N, C-alpha and C. Protein backbone atom coordinates (compact mmCIF):
# COMPACT_ATOMS: atom_id res chain seq x y z
N MET A 1 131.62 161.73 89.74
CA MET A 1 132.66 161.57 90.24
C MET A 1 132.84 161.50 91.50
N ALA A 2 133.65 160.40 91.71
CA ALA A 2 133.50 159.66 93.07
C ALA A 2 134.46 160.80 94.20
N ASP A 3 134.47 160.95 95.48
CA ASP A 3 135.02 161.49 96.65
C ASP A 3 136.29 160.98 96.39
N PRO A 4 137.07 161.81 96.88
CA PRO A 4 138.86 161.00 97.41
C PRO A 4 139.03 160.03 98.04
N ILE A 5 138.14 159.66 99.15
CA ILE A 5 137.81 158.56 99.90
C ILE A 5 136.58 158.09 99.59
N THR A 6 136.50 156.80 99.06
CA THR A 6 135.47 155.84 99.08
C THR A 6 135.58 154.46 100.06
N CYS A 7 134.53 153.94 100.06
CA CYS A 7 134.44 152.53 100.56
C CYS A 7 133.61 151.73 100.05
N HIS A 8 133.77 150.41 100.36
CA HIS A 8 132.61 149.35 100.06
C HIS A 8 132.85 148.13 101.23
N ILE A 9 131.76 147.61 101.17
CA ILE A 9 131.34 146.52 102.30
C ILE A 9 130.75 145.19 101.75
N LEU A 10 131.63 143.64 101.49
CA LEU A 10 131.04 142.91 100.73
C LEU A 10 131.08 141.89 102.02
N ASN A 11 129.65 141.26 102.20
CA ASN A 11 129.20 140.57 103.13
C ASN A 11 129.68 139.31 102.36
N THR A 12 131.03 138.40 103.48
CA THR A 12 131.68 137.08 102.63
C THR A 12 130.37 136.10 103.24
N THR A 13 130.12 136.40 103.90
CA THR A 13 128.55 135.34 104.29
C THR A 13 127.85 134.49 103.07
N VAL A 14 127.20 135.96 102.65
CA VAL A 14 126.22 135.35 101.32
C VAL A 14 127.34 135.80 100.16
N GLY A 15 128.37 136.41 100.32
CA GLY A 15 128.65 136.84 99.15
C GLY A 15 127.97 137.82 98.29
N LYS A 16 127.64 138.70 99.21
CA LYS A 16 126.77 139.80 98.26
C LYS A 16 127.43 141.24 98.84
N PRO A 17 127.02 142.39 98.46
CA PRO A 17 127.32 143.46 99.03
C PRO A 17 126.44 144.14 100.03
N ALA A 18 126.70 144.58 100.90
CA ALA A 18 126.20 144.61 102.48
C ALA A 18 125.71 146.07 101.92
N HIS A 19 124.39 146.22 101.87
CA HIS A 19 123.50 147.68 101.66
C HIS A 19 123.24 148.36 102.57
N ASP A 20 123.08 149.51 102.51
CA ASP A 20 122.31 150.38 103.79
C ASP A 20 123.13 150.30 105.33
N VAL A 21 124.15 150.24 105.32
CA VAL A 21 125.34 150.18 106.36
C VAL A 21 125.33 151.71 106.35
N LEU A 22 125.20 152.21 107.70
CA LEU A 22 125.99 153.57 107.71
C LEU A 22 126.72 153.59 108.23
N CYS A 23 127.61 154.42 107.67
CA CYS A 23 129.33 154.98 107.60
C CYS A 23 129.60 156.09 108.10
N GLN A 24 130.54 156.70 109.14
CA GLN A 24 131.00 157.77 109.27
C GLN A 24 132.59 158.09 108.99
N LEU A 25 132.83 158.88 108.28
CA LEU A 25 134.09 159.23 108.03
C LEU A 25 134.51 160.43 108.94
N TYR A 26 135.92 160.05 109.59
CA TYR A 26 136.63 161.40 110.86
C TYR A 26 138.32 161.63 110.34
N TYR A 27 138.15 162.82 110.63
CA TYR A 27 139.93 163.25 110.52
C TYR A 27 140.19 163.27 111.76
N LEU A 28 141.41 162.77 112.17
CA LEU A 28 141.27 162.44 113.26
C LEU A 28 142.94 163.60 114.08
N GLY A 29 143.65 163.87 112.88
CA GLY A 29 144.38 165.21 113.05
C GLY A 29 145.56 164.82 112.13
N PRO A 30 147.08 165.69 112.02
CA PRO A 30 148.05 165.71 111.11
C PRO A 30 148.44 164.33 111.43
N LEU A 31 149.17 164.29 110.52
CA LEU A 31 150.16 162.97 110.30
C LEU A 31 151.14 163.00 111.76
N GLN A 32 151.45 161.74 112.42
CA GLN A 32 152.15 161.74 113.13
C GLN A 32 152.55 160.39 113.82
N ASP A 33 153.94 160.14 114.35
CA ASP A 33 153.95 158.59 115.07
C ASP A 33 152.69 158.01 115.42
N ALA A 34 152.09 156.89 115.25
CA ALA A 34 151.33 156.27 115.92
C ALA A 34 151.05 156.21 117.30
N ASP A 35 152.69 155.80 117.95
CA ASP A 35 152.46 155.58 119.31
C ASP A 35 152.32 157.13 120.08
N THR A 36 153.13 158.21 119.44
CA THR A 36 152.60 159.57 119.84
C THR A 36 151.27 160.28 119.73
N PHE A 37 150.79 159.66 118.47
CA PHE A 37 149.17 159.69 118.48
C PHE A 37 147.99 158.82 119.88
N ALA A 38 148.60 157.66 119.83
CA ALA A 38 148.14 156.95 121.13
C ALA A 38 148.34 157.60 122.50
N GLU A 39 149.39 157.83 122.55
CA GLU A 39 149.58 158.80 124.22
C GLU A 39 149.10 160.13 123.99
N THR A 40 148.79 160.92 122.80
CA THR A 40 148.30 162.11 122.82
C THR A 40 146.64 161.89 122.89
N THR A 41 146.32 160.99 122.66
CA THR A 41 144.80 161.15 122.74
C THR A 41 144.16 160.58 123.96
N VAL A 42 145.11 159.61 124.53
CA VAL A 42 144.76 159.08 126.11
C VAL A 42 145.15 160.13 127.01
N GLU A 43 146.07 160.99 126.86
CA GLU A 43 146.47 161.97 127.83
C GLU A 43 145.61 163.15 127.44
N SER A 44 145.03 163.33 126.53
CA SER A 44 144.21 164.87 126.22
C SER A 44 142.59 164.39 126.53
N GLY A 45 142.24 163.04 126.43
CA GLY A 45 141.32 162.80 126.54
C GLY A 45 140.42 162.82 125.29
N SER A 46 140.84 163.26 124.31
CA SER A 46 140.50 163.06 122.45
C SER A 46 140.63 162.07 121.83
N GLY A 47 140.02 161.86 120.98
CA GLY A 47 140.15 160.91 119.54
C GLY A 47 139.53 159.36 120.13
N THR A 48 138.66 159.69 121.84
CA THR A 48 138.36 158.26 121.67
C THR A 48 136.99 158.56 122.09
N GLY A 49 136.40 159.56 122.41
CA GLY A 49 134.92 159.69 123.22
C GLY A 49 134.35 160.53 122.03
N SER A 50 133.26 160.99 122.89
CA SER A 50 131.96 161.77 122.07
C SER A 50 132.75 163.14 121.47
N ASP A 51 133.52 163.99 121.95
CA ASP A 51 134.16 165.27 121.40
C ASP A 51 134.57 164.90 119.87
N ILE A 52 135.04 163.92 119.33
CA ILE A 52 135.28 163.61 117.89
C ILE A 52 134.46 163.56 117.14
N HIS A 53 133.94 164.30 116.59
CA HIS A 53 132.85 164.19 115.44
C HIS A 53 133.09 163.75 113.82
N PRO A 54 131.68 162.85 113.44
CA PRO A 54 132.66 162.71 111.72
C PRO A 54 132.45 164.29 111.44
N ILE A 55 133.44 164.12 109.98
CA ILE A 55 133.39 165.11 108.96
C ILE A 55 132.06 165.10 108.07
N ALA A 56 131.58 163.27 107.74
CA ALA A 56 130.51 162.98 106.54
C ALA A 56 130.48 161.73 106.91
N MET A 57 129.30 161.27 106.56
CA MET A 57 128.38 160.23 106.70
C MET A 57 127.56 159.78 105.15
N ALA A 58 127.32 158.66 105.45
CA ALA A 58 126.55 158.17 104.18
C ALA A 58 126.38 156.81 104.47
N LYS A 59 125.23 156.30 103.70
CA LYS A 59 124.97 154.55 103.89
C LYS A 59 125.28 154.17 102.36
N THR A 60 125.81 152.82 102.65
CA THR A 60 126.05 152.44 101.49
C THR A 60 124.89 151.74 100.72
N ASP A 61 125.33 152.06 99.23
CA ASP A 61 124.19 151.93 98.42
C ASP A 61 123.78 150.35 98.04
N LYS A 62 123.10 150.08 96.88
CA LYS A 62 123.05 148.68 96.68
C LYS A 62 124.23 147.74 96.66
N ASP A 63 125.21 148.33 96.03
CA ASP A 63 126.44 147.74 95.22
C ASP A 63 126.80 147.77 96.78
N GLY A 64 126.95 147.90 97.94
CA GLY A 64 127.76 148.23 99.43
C GLY A 64 128.92 148.93 99.24
N ARG A 65 128.70 150.19 98.30
CA ARG A 65 129.73 150.99 98.26
C ARG A 65 129.19 152.59 98.54
N ILE A 66 129.94 153.41 98.97
CA ILE A 66 130.06 154.80 99.33
C ILE A 66 130.92 155.54 98.51
N LYS A 67 130.56 156.11 98.02
CA LYS A 67 131.06 156.83 96.44
C LYS A 67 131.43 158.30 96.79
N LYS A 68 130.20 159.15 97.02
CA LYS A 68 130.41 160.35 97.80
C LYS A 68 129.38 160.24 99.26
N TRP A 69 130.32 161.32 99.89
CA TRP A 69 129.80 161.37 101.31
C TRP A 69 128.69 162.72 101.50
N ILE A 70 128.17 162.50 102.86
CA ILE A 70 127.43 163.70 103.14
C ILE A 70 128.14 164.29 104.22
N ILE A 71 128.68 165.41 103.71
CA ILE A 71 129.46 166.17 104.79
C ILE A 71 128.61 166.77 105.66
N ASP A 72 129.23 167.19 106.81
CA ASP A 72 128.83 167.62 107.79
C ASP A 72 128.68 169.09 107.86
N PRO A 73 127.79 170.13 107.32
CA PRO A 73 127.90 171.30 106.97
C PRO A 73 127.80 172.27 108.00
N TYR A 74 127.55 171.56 109.37
CA TYR A 74 127.82 172.42 110.88
C TYR A 74 129.29 172.51 111.34
N ARG A 75 130.19 171.35 110.57
CA ARG A 75 131.64 171.31 111.26
C ARG A 75 132.48 172.28 110.12
N ASP A 76 133.68 172.31 110.95
CA ASP A 76 134.74 173.32 109.76
C ASP A 76 135.50 171.92 109.36
N THR A 77 135.23 171.64 107.97
CA THR A 77 135.82 170.45 107.50
C THR A 77 137.42 171.11 106.83
N SER A 78 137.41 172.05 106.74
CA SER A 78 138.59 172.72 106.05
C SER A 78 140.13 171.75 106.47
N GLU A 79 139.97 171.30 107.49
CA GLU A 79 141.13 170.49 107.99
C GLU A 79 141.39 169.34 107.41
N ALA A 80 140.20 168.65 106.73
CA ALA A 80 140.28 167.73 106.36
C ALA A 80 140.29 167.72 104.54
N GLY A 81 140.34 168.69 104.15
CA GLY A 81 140.27 169.21 102.60
C GLY A 81 138.86 169.27 101.82
N ILE A 82 138.20 169.66 102.46
CA ILE A 82 137.09 169.88 102.16
C ILE A 82 136.61 171.40 102.07
N SER A 83 136.01 172.15 101.06
CA SER A 83 135.82 173.18 100.85
C SER A 83 134.20 173.47 100.52
N ASN A 84 134.10 174.74 101.19
CA ASN A 84 132.50 175.15 100.83
C ASN A 84 131.54 174.24 101.89
N LYS A 85 131.96 173.46 102.73
CA LYS A 85 131.15 172.43 103.53
C LYS A 85 130.44 171.40 102.70
N SER A 86 131.22 171.15 100.95
CA SER A 86 130.16 170.02 100.56
C SER A 86 130.91 169.34 99.70
N GLN A 87 132.37 169.93 98.96
CA GLN A 87 133.23 169.55 98.17
C GLN A 87 134.51 169.44 98.68
N TRP A 88 135.11 167.96 98.42
CA TRP A 88 136.41 167.73 98.58
C TRP A 88 137.21 168.44 97.46
N THR A 89 138.16 169.30 98.12
CA THR A 89 138.96 169.85 97.36
C THR A 89 140.45 168.56 96.92
N GLN A 90 141.20 168.29 98.08
CA GLN A 90 141.86 167.34 97.80
C GLN A 90 141.97 167.12 99.45
N PRO A 91 142.31 165.69 100.10
CA PRO A 91 142.84 165.30 101.07
C PRO A 91 143.36 165.93 101.79
N LYS A 92 143.72 166.05 102.86
CA LYS A 92 145.03 166.88 103.78
C LYS A 92 145.56 165.33 104.33
N PRO A 93 146.72 165.29 104.45
CA PRO A 93 147.75 164.55 105.05
C PRO A 93 147.15 164.47 106.38
N GLY A 94 147.17 163.25 106.55
CA GLY A 94 146.33 163.34 108.34
C GLY A 94 146.33 161.61 108.64
N LEU A 95 145.40 161.65 109.79
CA LEU A 95 144.97 160.46 110.27
C LEU A 95 143.65 160.51 110.23
N TYR A 96 142.85 159.50 109.62
CA TYR A 96 141.65 159.49 109.50
C TYR A 96 140.60 157.91 109.70
N LYS A 97 139.78 157.87 109.68
CA LYS A 97 139.26 156.21 110.60
C LYS A 97 137.47 156.61 109.49
N ILE A 98 137.31 155.34 109.21
CA ILE A 98 135.68 154.99 108.92
C ILE A 98 135.24 153.77 110.11
N LYS A 99 133.82 154.85 110.56
CA LYS A 99 133.51 153.52 111.43
C LYS A 99 131.98 153.13 110.63
N PHE A 100 131.67 151.63 110.27
CA PHE A 100 131.43 150.92 109.86
C PHE A 100 130.35 150.55 110.72
N TYR A 101 129.03 150.71 110.82
CA TYR A 101 128.16 150.23 111.98
C TYR A 101 127.40 148.90 111.47
N THR A 102 127.66 147.69 111.65
CA THR A 102 127.65 146.41 111.10
C THR A 102 126.71 146.32 111.63
N ALA A 103 125.90 146.35 113.31
CA ALA A 103 125.10 145.69 114.04
C ALA A 103 123.68 145.82 113.20
N GLY A 104 123.32 147.03 112.88
CA GLY A 104 122.46 147.38 112.50
C GLY A 104 121.71 146.41 110.88
N TYR A 105 122.98 146.53 110.40
CA TYR A 105 122.79 145.68 109.31
C TYR A 105 122.30 144.18 109.07
N PHE A 106 123.37 143.47 110.30
CA PHE A 106 123.18 142.05 110.69
C PHE A 106 121.53 141.92 111.11
N LYS A 107 121.12 142.96 111.98
CA LYS A 107 119.78 142.52 112.53
C LYS A 107 119.11 143.13 111.65
N ALA A 108 118.98 143.81 110.45
CA ALA A 108 118.07 143.60 109.46
C ALA A 108 117.63 142.31 108.52
N LEU A 109 119.29 141.56 108.68
CA LEU A 109 119.02 140.11 108.12
C LEU A 109 118.72 139.14 108.83
N GLY A 110 118.28 139.66 110.32
CA GLY A 110 117.76 138.89 111.07
C GLY A 110 118.83 137.73 111.82
N SER A 111 120.10 138.27 111.74
CA SER A 111 121.25 137.98 112.02
C SER A 111 122.18 138.40 113.16
N ALA A 112 122.72 137.89 114.20
CA ALA A 112 123.50 138.51 115.06
C ALA A 112 124.74 138.66 114.80
N SER A 113 125.37 139.60 115.43
CA SER A 113 127.28 139.85 114.56
C SER A 113 127.63 140.51 116.13
N PHE A 114 129.10 139.70 116.23
CA PHE A 114 129.98 139.61 116.91
C PHE A 114 130.79 141.60 117.05
N PHE A 115 130.41 142.10 115.91
CA PHE A 115 130.80 143.17 115.97
C PHE A 115 130.00 144.43 116.04
N PRO A 116 129.29 145.10 116.75
CA PRO A 116 128.17 145.98 116.54
C PRO A 116 129.02 147.18 115.74
N TRP A 117 130.07 147.87 115.81
CA TRP A 117 131.16 148.74 114.96
C TRP A 117 132.39 148.00 114.54
N ILE A 118 132.83 148.91 113.35
CA ILE A 118 133.93 148.31 112.89
C ILE A 118 134.72 149.59 112.69
N GLU A 119 135.91 150.19 113.45
CA GLU A 119 136.69 151.06 113.16
C GLU A 119 138.05 150.72 111.98
N ILE A 120 137.92 151.41 111.03
CA ILE A 120 139.00 151.35 110.12
C ILE A 120 140.27 152.54 110.32
N HIS A 121 141.07 152.64 110.89
CA HIS A 121 142.27 153.57 110.80
C HIS A 121 143.08 153.49 109.71
N PHE A 122 143.48 154.65 109.07
CA PHE A 122 144.62 154.70 108.31
C PHE A 122 144.76 156.05 107.85
N GLN A 123 146.04 156.29 107.16
CA GLN A 123 146.57 157.46 107.05
C GLN A 123 146.96 158.24 105.58
N ILE A 124 146.69 159.40 105.31
CA ILE A 124 146.95 160.07 103.97
C ILE A 124 148.20 160.31 103.95
N GLU A 125 149.24 160.23 103.39
CA GLU A 125 150.66 160.55 103.66
C GLU A 125 150.78 161.58 102.00
N ASP A 126 150.08 161.37 101.15
CA ASP A 126 150.65 162.06 99.83
C ASP A 126 149.00 162.00 99.37
N PRO A 127 148.66 163.51 99.34
CA PRO A 127 147.31 163.73 98.76
C PRO A 127 147.19 163.57 97.39
N ALA A 128 148.38 163.80 96.76
CA ALA A 128 148.73 163.62 95.10
C ALA A 128 148.47 162.37 94.57
N ASP A 129 147.88 161.49 95.64
CA ASP A 129 147.63 159.68 95.39
C ASP A 129 146.07 159.76 94.89
N ALA A 130 145.57 160.95 95.13
CA ALA A 130 143.93 161.12 94.78
C ALA A 130 143.21 160.15 95.41
N HIS A 131 143.24 158.83 95.32
CA HIS A 131 142.04 157.93 95.61
C HIS A 131 142.42 157.38 96.83
N TYR A 132 141.65 157.15 97.86
CA TYR A 132 141.78 155.98 98.89
C TYR A 132 140.37 155.38 99.24
N HIS A 133 140.69 153.92 98.65
CA HIS A 133 139.48 153.22 98.77
C HIS A 133 139.78 152.22 100.00
N ILE A 134 138.63 151.98 100.70
CA ILE A 134 138.76 151.39 102.16
C ILE A 134 137.49 150.24 101.70
N PRO A 135 138.01 148.99 101.62
CA PRO A 135 137.29 147.90 101.33
C PRO A 135 136.82 147.23 102.58
N LEU A 136 135.77 146.74 103.11
CA LEU A 136 135.67 145.84 104.31
C LEU A 136 134.83 144.55 103.71
N LEU A 137 135.56 143.30 104.17
CA LEU A 137 135.15 142.22 104.04
C LEU A 137 134.51 141.59 105.07
N LEU A 138 133.23 141.26 105.35
CA LEU A 138 132.60 141.06 106.37
C LEU A 138 131.71 139.81 106.51
N SER A 139 131.82 139.26 107.53
CA SER A 139 131.09 138.27 108.35
C SER A 139 130.33 138.33 109.68
N ASN A 140 129.52 137.28 109.98
CA ASN A 140 129.20 138.02 111.25
C ASN A 140 130.25 137.81 112.63
N HIS A 141 131.22 136.83 112.67
CA HIS A 141 131.92 136.84 113.52
C HIS A 141 133.64 137.33 112.82
N SER A 142 134.12 137.87 111.80
CA SER A 142 134.91 138.31 111.53
C SER A 142 134.85 139.33 109.97
N TYR A 143 136.29 140.11 109.85
CA TYR A 143 136.31 140.89 108.95
C TYR A 143 137.80 140.96 108.77
N THR A 144 138.10 141.68 107.71
CA THR A 144 139.07 142.12 107.05
C THR A 144 139.21 143.02 106.11
N THR A 145 140.50 143.83 105.71
CA THR A 145 140.29 145.05 104.85
C THR A 145 141.51 145.25 104.37
N TYR A 146 141.83 146.19 103.17
CA TYR A 146 142.95 146.24 102.68
C TYR A 146 143.36 147.48 101.88
N ARG A 147 144.10 147.82 101.45
CA ARG A 147 143.80 149.09 100.33
C ARG A 147 143.25 149.11 99.20
N GLY A 148 142.38 149.63 98.95
CA GLY A 148 141.64 149.18 97.88
C GLY A 148 142.28 150.27 96.35
N SER A 149 141.64 149.89 95.27
CA SER A 149 142.19 151.19 94.22
C SER A 149 141.06 151.66 93.58
């Protein structure tokens, strides 16, 4: 069974899944107005630097998907709805992001990329919605995303 937050990457330049892309999942904090969140993180210095650590990470599989995350065993992840340091119970309402490290993927293809990484921020308002899928459509010089199913 897949985790409640999943993602996948399609390289639209070649029309194939992007495999072996390192991705990190972050829980940024409780739900709040986006402007308030931006002001708070700038004032406190949090949310933008090395003080924020991922709650999980994984590499995309041969189909460009991450169905199961590797949970950080050294971090208190209960704030994001992960119990026993290894299993999701249910995601907590809050602000999240996935950071896709795309430069290494394109370098392995022998190609340059304008974006060394891509961060997609999203919010979970209703944990009962059970599944949050974040697709990334990617090329060397552009990307787009949407809420998947």
